[in-house]
Amino acid sequence: TYAGPRIDSWSDTNVETLLTLFESWP
């Protein structure tokens, strides 16, 4: 029930998503 962003595994794709979030969040 909690809003995202969300990941469901430590896949390379999800790690790339996390890196993008890391760079974009102040």
mmCIF file of all heavy atoms, coordinates in Angstrom:
data_MODEL
# 
_entry.id   MODEL 
# 
loop_
_atom_site.group_PDB 
_atom_site.id 
_atom_site.type_symbol 
_atom_site.label_atom_id 
_atom_site.label_alt_id 
_atom_site.label_comp_id 
_atom_site.label_asym_id 
_atom_site.label_entity_id 
_atom_site.label_seq_id 
_atom_site.pdbx_PDB_ins_code 
_atom_site.Cartn_x 
_atom_site.Cartn_y 
_atom_site.Cartn_z 
_atom_site.occupancy 
_atom_site.B_iso_or_equiv 
_atom_site.pdbx_formal_charge 
_atom_site.auth_seq_id 
_atom_site.auth_comp_id 
_atom_site.auth_asym_id 
_atom_site.auth_atom_id 
_atom_site.pdbx_PDB_model_num 
ATOM 1   N N   . THR A 1 1  ? 0.805  -1.222 0.000   1.00 0.00 ? 1  THR A N   1 
ATOM 2   C CA  . THR A 1 1  ? 0.000  0.000  0.000   1.00 0.00 ? 1  THR A CA  1 
ATOM 3   C C   . THR A 1 1  ? 0.842  1.278  0.000   1.00 0.00 ? 1  THR A C   1 
ATOM 4   O O   . THR A 1 1  ? 0.296  2.362  -0.146  1.00 0.00 ? 1  THR A O   1 
ATOM 5   C CB  . THR A 1 1  ? -0.937 0.030  1.221   1.00 0.00 ? 1  THR A CB  1 
ATOM 6   O OG1 . THR A 1 1  ? -0.142 0.004  2.418   1.00 0.00 ? 1  THR A OG1 1 
ATOM 7   C CG2 . THR A 1 1  ? -1.904 -1.141 1.201   1.00 0.00 ? 1  THR A CG2 1 
ATOM 8   N N   . TYR A 1 2  ? 2.164  1.146  0.138   1.00 0.00 ? 2  TYR A N   1 
ATOM 9   C CA  . TYR A 1 2  ? 3.029  2.320  0.179   1.00 0.00 ? 2  TYR A CA  1 
ATOM 10  C C   . TYR A 1 2  ? 3.434  2.739  -1.222  1.00 0.00 ? 2  TYR A C   1 
ATOM 11  O O   . TYR A 1 2  ? 3.782  1.905  -2.054  1.00 0.00 ? 2  TYR A O   1 
ATOM 12  C CB  . TYR A 1 2  ? 4.278  2.050  1.034   1.00 0.00 ? 2  TYR A CB  1 
ATOM 13  C CG  . TYR A 1 2  ? 3.914  1.949  2.483   1.00 0.00 ? 2  TYR A CG  1 
ATOM 14  C CD1 . TYR A 1 2  ? 3.516  0.745  3.038   1.00 0.00 ? 2  TYR A CD1 1 
ATOM 15  C CD2 . TYR A 1 2  ? 3.919  3.078  3.295   1.00 0.00 ? 2  TYR A CD2 1 
ATOM 16  C CE1 . TYR A 1 2  ? 3.136  0.654  4.366   1.00 0.00 ? 2  TYR A CE1 1 
ATOM 17  C CE2 . TYR A 1 2  ? 3.542  2.996  4.621   1.00 0.00 ? 2  TYR A CE2 1 
ATOM 18  C CZ  . TYR A 1 2  ? 3.155  1.776  5.152   1.00 0.00 ? 2  TYR A CZ  1 
ATOM 19  O OH  . TYR A 1 2  ? 2.772  1.693  6.457   1.00 0.00 ? 2  TYR A OH  1 
ATOM 20  N N   . ALA A 1 3  ? 3.373  4.045  -1.443  1.00 0.00 ? 3  ALA A N   1 
ATOM 21  C CA  . ALA A 1 3  ? 3.735  4.598  -2.742  1.00 0.00 ? 3  ALA A CA  1 
ATOM 22  C C   . ALA A 1 3  ? 5.210  4.386  -3.022  1.00 0.00 ? 3  ALA A C   1 
ATOM 23  O O   . ALA A 1 3  ? 6.012  4.249  -2.099  1.00 0.00 ? 3  ALA A O   1 
ATOM 24  C CB  . ALA A 1 3  ? 3.413  6.089  -2.770  1.00 0.00 ? 3  ALA A CB  1 
ATOM 25  N N   . GLY A 1 4  ? 5.543  4.370  -4.298  1.00 0.00 ? 4  GLY A N   1 
ATOM 26  C CA  . GLY A 1 4  ? 6.922  4.166  -4.735  1.00 0.00 ? 4  GLY A CA  1 
ATOM 27  C C   . GLY A 1 4  ? 7.766  5.392  -4.521  1.00 0.00 ? 4  GLY A C   1 
ATOM 28  O O   . GLY A 1 4  ? 7.327  6.317  -3.873  1.00 0.00 ? 4  GLY A O   1 
ATOM 29  N N   . PRO A 1 5  ? 8.941  5.402  -5.032  1.00 0.00 ? 5  PRO A N   1 
ATOM 30  C CA  . PRO A 1 5  ? 9.485  4.394  -5.935  1.00 0.00 ? 5  PRO A CA  1 
ATOM 31  C C   . PRO A 1 5  ? 9.715  3.063  -5.244  1.00 0.00 ? 5  PRO A C   1 
ATOM 32  O O   . PRO A 1 5  ? 9.873  3.015  -4.024  1.00 0.00 ? 5  PRO A O   1 
ATOM 33  C CB  . PRO A 1 5  ? 10.799 5.007  -6.426  1.00 0.00 ? 5  PRO A CB  1 
ATOM 34  C CG  . PRO A 1 5  ? 11.176 5.969  -5.363  1.00 0.00 ? 5  PRO A CG  1 
ATOM 35  C CD  . PRO A 1 5  ? 9.914  6.459  -4.748  1.00 0.00 ? 5  PRO A CD  1 
ATOM 36  N N   . ARG A 1 6  ? 9.717  1.992  -6.038  1.00 0.00 ? 6  ARG A N   1 
ATOM 37  C CA  . ARG A 1 6  ? 9.832  0.639  -5.511  1.00 0.00 ? 6  ARG A CA  1 
ATOM 38  C C   . ARG A 1 6  ? 10.840 -0.152 -6.331  1.00 0.00 ? 6  ARG A C   1 
ATOM 39  O O   . ARG A 1 6  ? 11.008 0.091  -7.512  1.00 0.00 ? 6  ARG A O   1 
ATOM 40  C CB  . ARG A 1 6  ? 8.487  -0.088 -5.593  1.00 0.00 ? 6  ARG A CB  1 
ATOM 41  C CG  . ARG A 1 6  ? 7.334  0.617  -4.939  1.00 0.00 ? 6  ARG A CG  1 
ATOM 42  C CD  . ARG A 1 6  ? 6.039  -0.165 -5.122  1.00 0.00 ? 6  ARG A CD  1 
ATOM 43  N NE  . ARG A 1 6  ? 5.973  -1.304 -4.237  1.00 0.00 ? 6  ARG A NE  1 
ATOM 44  C CZ  . ARG A 1 6  ? 5.594  -1.264 -2.965  1.00 0.00 ? 6  ARG A CZ  1 
ATOM 45  N NH1 . ARG A 1 6  ? 5.255  -0.127 -2.429  1.00 0.00 ? 6  ARG A NH1 1 
ATOM 46  N NH2 . ARG A 1 6  ? 5.558  -2.346 -2.233  1.00 0.00 ? 6  ARG A NH2 1 
ATOM 47  N N   . ILE A 1 7  ? 11.476 -1.122 -5.675  1.00 0.00 ? 7  ILE A N   1 
ATOM 48  C CA  . ILE A 1 7  ? 12.245 -2.143 -6.375  1.00 0.00 ? 7  ILE A CA  1 
ATOM 49  C C   . ILE A 1 7  ? 11.817 -3.490 -5.807  1.00 0.00 ? 7  ILE A C   1 
ATOM 50  O O   . ILE A 1 7  ? 11.322 -3.567 -4.683  1.00 0.00 ? 7  ILE A O   1 
ATOM 51  C CB  . ILE A 1 7  ? 13.775 -1.953 -6.261  1.00 0.00 ? 7  ILE A CB  1 
ATOM 52  C CG1 . ILE A 1 7  ? 14.237 -2.040 -4.809  1.00 0.00 ? 7  ILE A CG1 1 
ATOM 53  C CG2 . ILE A 1 7  ? 14.221 -0.673 -6.924  1.00 0.00 ? 7  ILE A CG2 1 
ATOM 54  C CD1 . ILE A 1 7  ? 15.750 -2.084 -4.663  1.00 0.00 ? 7  ILE A CD1 1 
ATOM 55  N N   . ASP A 1 8  ? 12.007 -4.547 -6.598  1.00 0.00 ? 8  ASP A N   1 
ATOM 56  C CA  . ASP A 1 8  ? 11.576 -5.867 -6.145  1.00 0.00 ? 8  ASP A CA  1 
ATOM 57  C C   . ASP A 1 8  ? 12.722 -6.879 -6.104  1.00 0.00 ? 8  ASP A C   1 
ATOM 58  O O   . ASP A 1 8  ? 12.511 -8.041 -5.787  1.00 0.00 ? 8  ASP A O   1 
ATOM 59  C CB  . ASP A 1 8  ? 10.439 -6.400 -7.012  1.00 0.00 ? 8  ASP A CB  1 
ATOM 60  C CG  . ASP A 1 8  ? 10.825 -6.528 -8.474  1.00 0.00 ? 8  ASP A CG  1 
ATOM 61  O OD1 . ASP A 1 8  ? 11.987 -6.245 -8.829  1.00 0.00 ? 8  ASP A OD1 1 
ATOM 62  O OD2 . ASP A 1 8  ? 9.958  -6.917 -9.263  1.00 0.00 ? 8  ASP A OD2 1 
ATOM 63  N N   . SER A 1 9  ? 13.929 -6.423 -6.461  1.00 0.00 ? 9  SER A N   1 
ATOM 64  C CA  . SER A 1 9  ? 15.098 -7.303 -6.434  1.00 0.00 ? 9  SER A CA  1 
ATOM 65  C C   . SER A 1 9  ? 16.349 -6.438 -6.541  1.00 0.00 ? 9  SER A C   1 
ATOM 66  O O   . SER A 1 9  ? 16.264 -5.220 -6.717  1.00 0.00 ? 9  SER A O   1 
ATOM 67  C CB  . SER A 1 9  ? 15.052 -8.297 -7.598  1.00 0.00 ? 9  SER A CB  1 
ATOM 68  O OG  . SER A 1 9  ? 15.306 -7.618 -8.813  1.00 0.00 ? 9  SER A OG  1 
ATOM 69  N N   . TRP A 1 10 ? 17.499 -7.098 -6.474  1.00 0.00 ? 10 TRP A N   1 
ATOM 70  C CA  . TRP A 1 10 ? 18.783 -6.402 -6.626  1.00 0.00 ? 10 TRP A CA  1 
ATOM 71  C C   . TRP A 1 10 ? 19.328 -6.622 -8.031  1.00 0.00 ? 10 TRP A C   1 
ATOM 72  O O   . TRP A 1 10 ? 20.537 -6.687 -8.232  1.00 0.00 ? 10 TRP A O   1 
ATOM 73  C CB  . TRP A 1 10 ? 19.776 -6.874 -5.567  1.00 0.00 ? 10 TRP A CB  1 
ATOM 74  C CG  . TRP A 1 10 ? 19.322 -6.513 -4.196  1.00 0.00 ? 10 TRP A CG  1 
ATOM 75  C CD1 . TRP A 1 10 ? 18.829 -7.360 -3.252  1.00 0.00 ? 10 TRP A CD1 1 
ATOM 76  C CD2 . TRP A 1 10 ? 19.287 -5.207 -3.626  1.00 0.00 ? 10 TRP A CD2 1 
ATOM 77  N NE1 . TRP A 1 10 ? 18.492 -6.655 -2.114  1.00 0.00 ? 10 TRP A NE1 1 
ATOM 78  C CE2 . TRP A 1 10 ? 18.761 -5.329 -2.321  1.00 0.00 ? 10 TRP A CE2 1 
ATOM 79  C CE3 . TRP A 1 10 ? 19.642 -3.943 -4.077  1.00 0.00 ? 10 TRP A CE3 1 
ATOM 80  C CZ2 . TRP A 1 10 ? 18.585 -4.247 -1.473  1.00 0.00 ? 10 TRP A CZ2 1 
ATOM 81  C CZ3 . TRP A 1 10 ? 19.454 -2.860 -3.235  1.00 0.00 ? 10 TRP A CZ3 1 
ATOM 82  C CH2 . TRP A 1 10 ? 18.944 -3.016 -1.960  1.00 0.00 ? 10 TRP A CH2 1 
ATOM 83  N N   . SER A 1 11 ? 18.437 -6.698 -9.007  1.00 0.00 ? 11 SER A N   1 
ATOM 84  C CA  . SER A 1 11 ? 18.859 -6.903 -10.397 1.00 0.00 ? 11 SER A CA  1 
ATOM 85  C C   . SER A 1 11 ? 19.656 -5.696 -10.891 1.00 0.00 ? 11 SER A C   1 
ATOM 86  O O   . SER A 1 11 ? 19.572 -4.597 -10.336 1.00 0.00 ? 11 SER A O   1 
ATOM 87  C CB  . SER A 1 11 ? 17.641 -7.106 -11.296 1.00 0.00 ? 11 SER A CB  1 
ATOM 88  O OG  . SER A 1 11 ? 16.917 -5.881 -11.405 1.00 0.00 ? 11 SER A OG  1 
ATOM 89  N N   . ASP A 1 12 ? 20.412 -5.906 -11.947 1.00 0.00 ? 12 ASP A N   1 
ATOM 90  C CA  . ASP A 1 12 ? 21.182 -4.811 -12.540 1.00 0.00 ? 12 ASP A CA  1 
ATOM 91  C C   . ASP A 1 12 ? 20.275 -3.658 -12.952 1.00 0.00 ? 12 ASP A C   1 
ATOM 92  O O   . ASP A 1 12 ? 20.626 -2.487 -12.781 1.00 0.00 ? 12 ASP A O   1 
ATOM 93  C CB  . ASP A 1 12 ? 21.976 -5.307 -13.750 1.00 0.00 ? 12 ASP A CB  1 
ATOM 94  C CG  . ASP A 1 12 ? 23.131 -6.225 -13.355 1.00 0.00 ? 12 ASP A CG  1 
ATOM 95  O OD1 . ASP A 1 12 ? 23.509 -6.228 -12.162 1.00 0.00 ? 12 ASP A OD1 1 
ATOM 96  O OD2 . ASP A 1 12 ? 23.639 -6.928 -14.242 1.00 0.00 ? 12 ASP A OD2 1 
ATOM 97  N N   . THR A 1 13 ? 19.093 -3.979 -13.477 1.00 0.00 ? 13 THR A N   1 
ATOM 98  C CA  . THR A 1 13 ? 18.148 -2.938 -13.885 1.00 0.00 ? 13 THR A CA  1 
ATOM 99  C C   . THR A 1 13 ? 17.709 -2.101 -12.686 1.00 0.00 ? 13 THR A C   1 
ATOM 100 O O   . THR A 1 13 ? 17.662 -0.874 -12.755 1.00 0.00 ? 13 THR A O   1 
ATOM 101 C CB  . THR A 1 13 ? 16.907 -3.570 -14.560 1.00 0.00 ? 13 THR A CB  1 
ATOM 102 O OG1 . THR A 1 13 ? 17.348 -4.316 -15.684 1.00 0.00 ? 13 THR A OG1 1 
ATOM 103 C CG2 . THR A 1 13 ? 15.906 -2.513 -14.977 1.00 0.00 ? 13 THR A CG2 1 
ATOM 104 N N   . ASN A 1 14 ? 17.396 -2.756 -11.570 1.00 0.00 ? 14 ASN A N   1 
ATOM 105 C CA  . ASN A 1 14 ? 16.987 -2.022 -10.382 1.00 0.00 ? 14 ASN A CA  1 
ATOM 106 C C   . ASN A 1 14 ? 18.126 -1.209 -9.786  1.00 0.00 ? 14 ASN A C   1 
ATOM 107 O O   . ASN A 1 14 ? 17.913 -0.107 -9.287  1.00 0.00 ? 14 ASN A O   1 
ATOM 108 C CB  . ASN A 1 14 ? 16.411 -2.969 -9.331  1.00 0.00 ? 14 ASN A CB  1 
ATOM 109 C CG  . ASN A 1 14 ? 15.007 -3.404 -9.668  1.00 0.00 ? 14 ASN A CG  1 
ATOM 110 O OD1 . ASN A 1 14 ? 14.287 -2.724 -10.389 1.00 0.00 ? 14 ASN A OD1 1 
ATOM 111 N ND2 . ASN A 1 14 ? 14.616 -4.553 -9.171  1.00 0.00 ? 14 ASN A ND2 1 
ATOM 112 N N   . VAL A 1 15 ? 19.333 -1.737 -9.852  1.00 0.00 ? 15 VAL A N   1 
ATOM 113 C CA  . VAL A 1 15 ? 20.488 -0.973 -9.365  1.00 0.00 ? 15 VAL A CA  1 
ATOM 114 C C   . VAL A 1 15 ? 20.669 0.275  -10.226 1.00 0.00 ? 15 VAL A C   1 
ATOM 115 O O   . VAL A 1 15 ? 20.936 1.365  -9.711  1.00 0.00 ? 15 VAL A O   1 
ATOM 116 C CB  . VAL A 1 15 ? 21.757 -1.848 -9.337  1.00 0.00 ? 15 VAL A CB  1 
ATOM 117 C CG1 . VAL A 1 15 ? 22.999 -1.000 -9.079  1.00 0.00 ? 15 VAL A CG1 1 
ATOM 118 C CG2 . VAL A 1 15 ? 21.617 -2.936 -8.278  1.00 0.00 ? 15 VAL A CG2 1 
ATOM 119 N N   . GLU A 1 16 ? 20.493 0.155  -11.536 1.00 0.00 ? 16 GLU A N   1 
ATOM 120 C CA  . GLU A 1 16 ? 20.567 1.324  -12.416 1.00 0.00 ? 16 GLU A CA  1 
ATOM 121 C C   . GLU A 1 16 ? 19.487 2.342  -12.052 1.00 0.00 ? 16 GLU A C   1 
ATOM 122 O O   . GLU A 1 16 ? 19.740 3.548  -12.046 1.00 0.00 ? 16 GLU A O   1 
ATOM 123 C CB  . GLU A 1 16 ? 20.439 0.906  -13.884 1.00 0.00 ? 16 GLU A CB  1 
ATOM 124 C CG  . GLU A 1 16 ? 21.646 0.180  -14.419 1.00 0.00 ? 16 GLU A CG  1 
ATOM 125 C CD  . GLU A 1 16 ? 22.911 1.030  -14.396 1.00 0.00 ? 16 GLU A CD  1 
ATOM 126 O OE1 . GLU A 1 16 ? 22.846 2.250  -14.660 1.00 0.00 ? 16 GLU A OE1 1 
ATOM 127 O OE2 . GLU A 1 16 ? 23.975 0.468  -14.095 1.00 0.00 ? 16 GLU A OE2 1 
ATOM 128 N N   . THR A 1 17 ? 18.279 1.862  -11.747 1.00 0.00 ? 17 THR A N   1 
ATOM 129 C CA  . THR A 1 17 ? 17.198 2.753  -11.311 1.00 0.00 ? 17 THR A CA  1 
ATOM 130 C C   . THR A 1 17 ? 17.593 3.493  -10.044 1.00 0.00 ? 17 THR A C   1 
ATOM 131 O O   . THR A 1 17 ? 17.381 4.701  -9.920  1.00 0.00 ? 17 THR A O   1 
ATOM 132 C CB  . THR A 1 17 ? 15.900 1.952  -11.082 1.00 0.00 ? 17 THR A CB  1 
ATOM 133 O OG1 . THR A 1 17 ? 15.512 1.342  -12.311 1.00 0.00 ? 17 THR A OG1 1 
ATOM 134 C CG2 . THR A 1 17 ? 14.778 2.833  -10.571 1.00 0.00 ? 17 THR A CG2 1 
ATOM 135 N N   . LEU A 1 18 ? 18.178 2.765  -9.093  1.00 0.00 ? 18 LEU A N   1 
ATOM 136 C CA  . LEU A 1 18 ? 18.616 3.392  -7.846  1.00 0.00 ? 18 LEU A CA  1 
ATOM 137 C C   . LEU A 1 18 ? 19.684 4.447  -8.102  1.00 0.00 ? 18 LEU A C   1 
ATOM 138 O O   . LEU A 1 18 ? 19.663 5.526  -7.487  1.00 0.00 ? 18 LEU A O   1 
ATOM 139 C CB  . LEU A 1 18 ? 19.147 2.338  -6.880  1.00 0.00 ? 18 LEU A CB  1 
ATOM 140 C CG  . LEU A 1 18 ? 18.098 1.412  -6.277  1.00 0.00 ? 18 LEU A CG  1 
ATOM 141 C CD1 . LEU A 1 18 ? 18.782 0.296  -5.500  1.00 0.00 ? 18 LEU A CD1 1 
ATOM 142 C CD2 . LEU A 1 18 ? 17.135 2.175  -5.391  1.00 0.00 ? 18 LEU A CD2 1 
ATOM 143 N N   . LEU A 1 19 ? 20.619 4.169  -8.991  1.00 0.00 ? 19 LEU A N   1 
ATOM 144 C CA  . LEU A 1 19 ? 21.665 5.142  -9.300  1.00 0.00 ? 19 LEU A CA  1 
ATOM 145 C C   . LEU A 1 19 ? 21.071 6.398  -9.922  1.00 0.00 ? 19 LEU A C   1 
ATOM 146 O O   . LEU A 1 19 ? 21.485 7.519  -9.614  1.00 0.00 ? 19 LEU A O   1 
ATOM 147 C CB  . LEU A 1 19 ? 22.707 4.522  -10.230 1.00 0.00 ? 19 LEU A CB  1 
ATOM 148 C CG  . LEU A 1 19 ? 23.581 3.444  -9.613  1.00 0.00 ? 19 LEU A CG  1 
ATOM 149 C CD1 . LEU A 1 19 ? 24.443 2.780  -10.668 1.00 0.00 ? 19 LEU A CD1 1 
ATOM 150 C CD2 . LEU A 1 19 ? 24.427 3.999  -8.478  1.00 0.00 ? 19 LEU A CD2 1 
ATOM 151 N N   . THR A 1 20 ? 20.061 6.227  -10.771 1.00 0.00 ? 20 THR A N   1 
ATOM 152 C CA  . THR A 1 20 ? 19.387 7.375  -11.363 1.00 0.00 ? 20 THR A CA  1 
ATOM 153 C C   . THR A 1 20 ? 18.681 8.194  -10.288 1.00 0.00 ? 20 THR A C   1 
ATOM 154 O O   . THR A 1 20 ? 18.762 9.434  -10.279 1.00 0.00 ? 20 THR A O   1 
ATOM 155 C CB  . THR A 1 20 ? 18.371 6.908  -12.433 1.00 0.00 ? 20 THR A CB  1 
ATOM 156 O OG1 . THR A 1 20 ? 19.080 6.183  -13.438 1.00 0.00 ? 20 THR A OG1 1 
ATOM 157 C CG2 . THR A 1 20 ? 17.646 8.082  -13.056 1.00 0.00 ? 20 THR A CG2 1 
ATOM 158 N N   . LEU A 1 21 ? 17.995 7.516  -9.350  1.00 0.00 ? 21 LEU A N   1 
ATOM 159 C CA  . LEU A 1 21 ? 17.340 8.223  -8.251  1.00 0.00 ? 21 LEU A CA  1 
ATOM 160 C C   . LEU A 1 21 ? 18.373 8.943  -7.388  1.00 0.00 ? 21 LEU A C   1 
ATOM 161 O O   . LEU A 1 21 ? 18.157 10.083 -6.978  1.00 0.00 ? 21 LEU A O   1 
ATOM 162 C CB  . LEU A 1 21 ? 16.539 7.244  -7.390  1.00 0.00 ? 21 LEU A CB  1 
ATOM 163 C CG  . LEU A 1 21 ? 15.259 6.703  -8.018  1.00 0.00 ? 21 LEU A CG  1 
ATOM 164 C CD1 . LEU A 1 21 ? 14.701 5.577  -7.137  1.00 0.00 ? 21 LEU A CD1 1 
ATOM 165 C CD2 . LEU A 1 21 ? 14.238 7.805  -8.192  1.00 0.00 ? 21 LEU A CD2 1 
ATOM 166 N N   . PHE A 1 22 ? 19.473 8.279  -7.116  1.00 0.00 ? 22 PHE A N   1 
ATOM 167 C CA  . PHE A 1 22 ? 20.535 8.865  -6.307  1.00 0.00 ? 22 PHE A CA  1 
ATOM 168 C C   . PHE A 1 22 ? 21.022 10.175 -6.909  1.00 0.00 ? 22 PHE A C   1 
ATOM 169 O O   . PHE A 1 22 ? 21.232 11.154 -6.211  1.00 0.00 ? 22 PHE A O   1 
ATOM 170 C CB  . PHE A 1 22 ? 21.684 7.859  -6.188  1.00 0.00 ? 22 PHE A CB  1 
ATOM 171 C CG  . PHE A 1 22 ? 22.840 8.359  -5.371  1.00 0.00 ? 22 PHE A CG  1 
ATOM 172 C CD1 . PHE A 1 22 ? 22.795 8.302  -3.988  1.00 0.00 ? 22 PHE A CD1 1 
ATOM 173 C CD2 . PHE A 1 22 ? 23.963 8.889  -5.981  1.00 0.00 ? 22 PHE A CD2 1 
ATOM 174 C CE1 . PHE A 1 22 ? 23.857 8.755  -3.223  1.00 0.00 ? 22 PHE A CE1 1 
ATOM 175 C CE2 . PHE A 1 22 ? 25.030 9.346  -5.224  1.00 0.00 ? 22 PHE A CE2 1 
ATOM 176 C CZ  . PHE A 1 22 ? 24.969 9.287  -3.840  1.00 0.00 ? 22 PHE A CZ  1 
ATOM 177 N N   . GLU A 1 23 ? 21.170 10.182 -8.218  1.00 0.00 ? 23 GLU A N   1 
ATOM 178 C CA  . GLU A 1 23 ? 21.664 11.384 -8.905  1.00 0.00 ? 23 GLU A CA  1 
ATOM 179 C C   . GLU A 1 23 ? 20.611 12.480 -8.992  1.00 0.00 ? 23 GLU A C   1 
ATOM 180 O O   . GLU A 1 23 ? 20.950 13.660 -9.047  1.00 0.00 ? 23 GLU A O   1 
ATOM 181 C CB  . GLU A 1 23 ? 22.148 11.011 -10.297 1.00 0.00 ? 23 GLU A CB  1 
ATOM 182 C CG  . GLU A 1 23 ? 23.384 10.135 -10.276 1.00 0.00 ? 23 GLU A CG  1 
ATOM 183 C CD  . GLU A 1 23 ? 23.756 9.574  -11.632 1.00 0.00 ? 23 GLU A CD  1 
ATOM 184 O OE1 . GLU A 1 23 ? 23.036 9.839  -12.614 1.00 0.00 ? 23 GLU A OE1 1 
ATOM 185 O OE2 . GLU A 1 23 ? 24.760 8.851  -11.704 1.00 0.00 ? 23 GLU A OE2 1 
ATOM 186 N N   . SER A 1 24 ? 19.330 12.117 -8.994  1.00 0.00 ? 24 SER A N   1 
ATOM 187 C CA  . SER A 1 24 ? 18.287 13.119 -9.206  1.00 0.00 ? 24 SER A CA  1 
ATOM 188 C C   . SER A 1 24 ? 17.700 13.695 -7.920  1.00 0.00 ? 24 SER A C   1 
ATOM 189 O O   . SER A 1 24 ? 17.179 14.805 -7.928  1.00 0.00 ? 24 SER A O   1 
ATOM 190 C CB  . SER A 1 24 ? 17.166 12.529 -10.058 1.00 0.00 ? 24 SER A CB  1 
ATOM 191 O OG  . SER A 1 24 ? 16.488 11.497 -9.370  1.00 0.00 ? 24 SER A OG  1 
ATOM 192 N N   . TRP A 1 25 ? 17.755 12.967 -6.804  1.00 0.00 ? 25 TRP A N   1 
ATOM 193 C CA  . TRP A 1 25 ? 17.189 13.487 -5.562  1.00 0.00 ? 25 TRP A CA  1 
ATOM 194 C C   . TRP A 1 25 ? 18.153 14.460 -4.912  1.00 0.00 ? 25 TRP A C   1 
ATOM 195 O O   . TRP A 1 25 ? 19.334 14.158 -4.756  1.00 0.00 ? 25 TRP A O   1 
ATOM 196 C CB  . TRP A 1 25 ? 16.891 12.354 -4.587  1.00 0.00 ? 25 TRP A CB  1 
ATOM 197 C CG  . TRP A 1 25 ? 15.478 11.863 -4.652  1.00 0.00 ? 25 TRP A CG  1 
ATOM 198 C CD1 . TRP A 1 25 ? 14.379 12.543 -5.034  1.00 0.00 ? 25 TRP A CD1 1 
ATOM 199 C CD2 . TRP A 1 25 ? 15.013 10.560 -4.301  1.00 0.00 ? 25 TRP A CD2 1 
ATOM 200 N NE1 . TRP A 1 25 ? 13.269 11.774 -4.968  1.00 0.00 ? 25 TRP A NE1 1 
ATOM 201 C CE2 . TRP A 1 25 ? 13.627 10.533 -4.508  1.00 0.00 ? 25 TRP A CE2 1 
ATOM 202 C CE3 . TRP A 1 25 ? 15.646 9.413  -3.831  1.00 0.00 ? 25 TRP A CE3 1 
ATOM 203 C CZ2 . TRP A 1 25 ? 12.844 9.418  -4.248  1.00 0.00 ? 25 TRP A CZ2 1 
ATOM 204 C CZ3 . TRP A 1 25 ? 14.883 8.296  -3.579  1.00 0.00 ? 25 TRP A CZ3 1 
ATOM 205 C CH2 . TRP A 1 25 ? 13.501 8.303  -3.787  1.00 0.00 ? 25 TRP A CH2 1 
ATOM 206 N N   . PRO A 1 26 ? 17.652 15.629 -4.529  1.00 0.00 ? 26 PRO A N   1 
ATOM 207 C CA  . PRO A 1 26 ? 18.528 16.565 -3.820  1.00 0.00 ? 26 PRO A CA  1 
ATOM 208 C C   . PRO A 1 26 ? 18.858 16.041 -2.438  1.00 0.00 ? 26 PRO A C   1 
ATOM 209 O O   . PRO A 1 26 ? 18.091 15.280 -1.845  1.00 0.00 ? 26 PRO A O   1 
ATOM 210 C CB  . PRO A 1 26 ? 17.691 17.834 -3.736  1.00 0.00 ? 26 PRO A CB  1 
ATOM 211 C CG  . PRO A 1 26 ? 16.281 17.382 -3.839  1.00 0.00 ? 26 PRO A CG  1 
ATOM 212 C CD  . PRO A 1 26 ? 16.304 16.120 -4.679  1.00 0.00 ? 26 PRO A CD  1 
# 
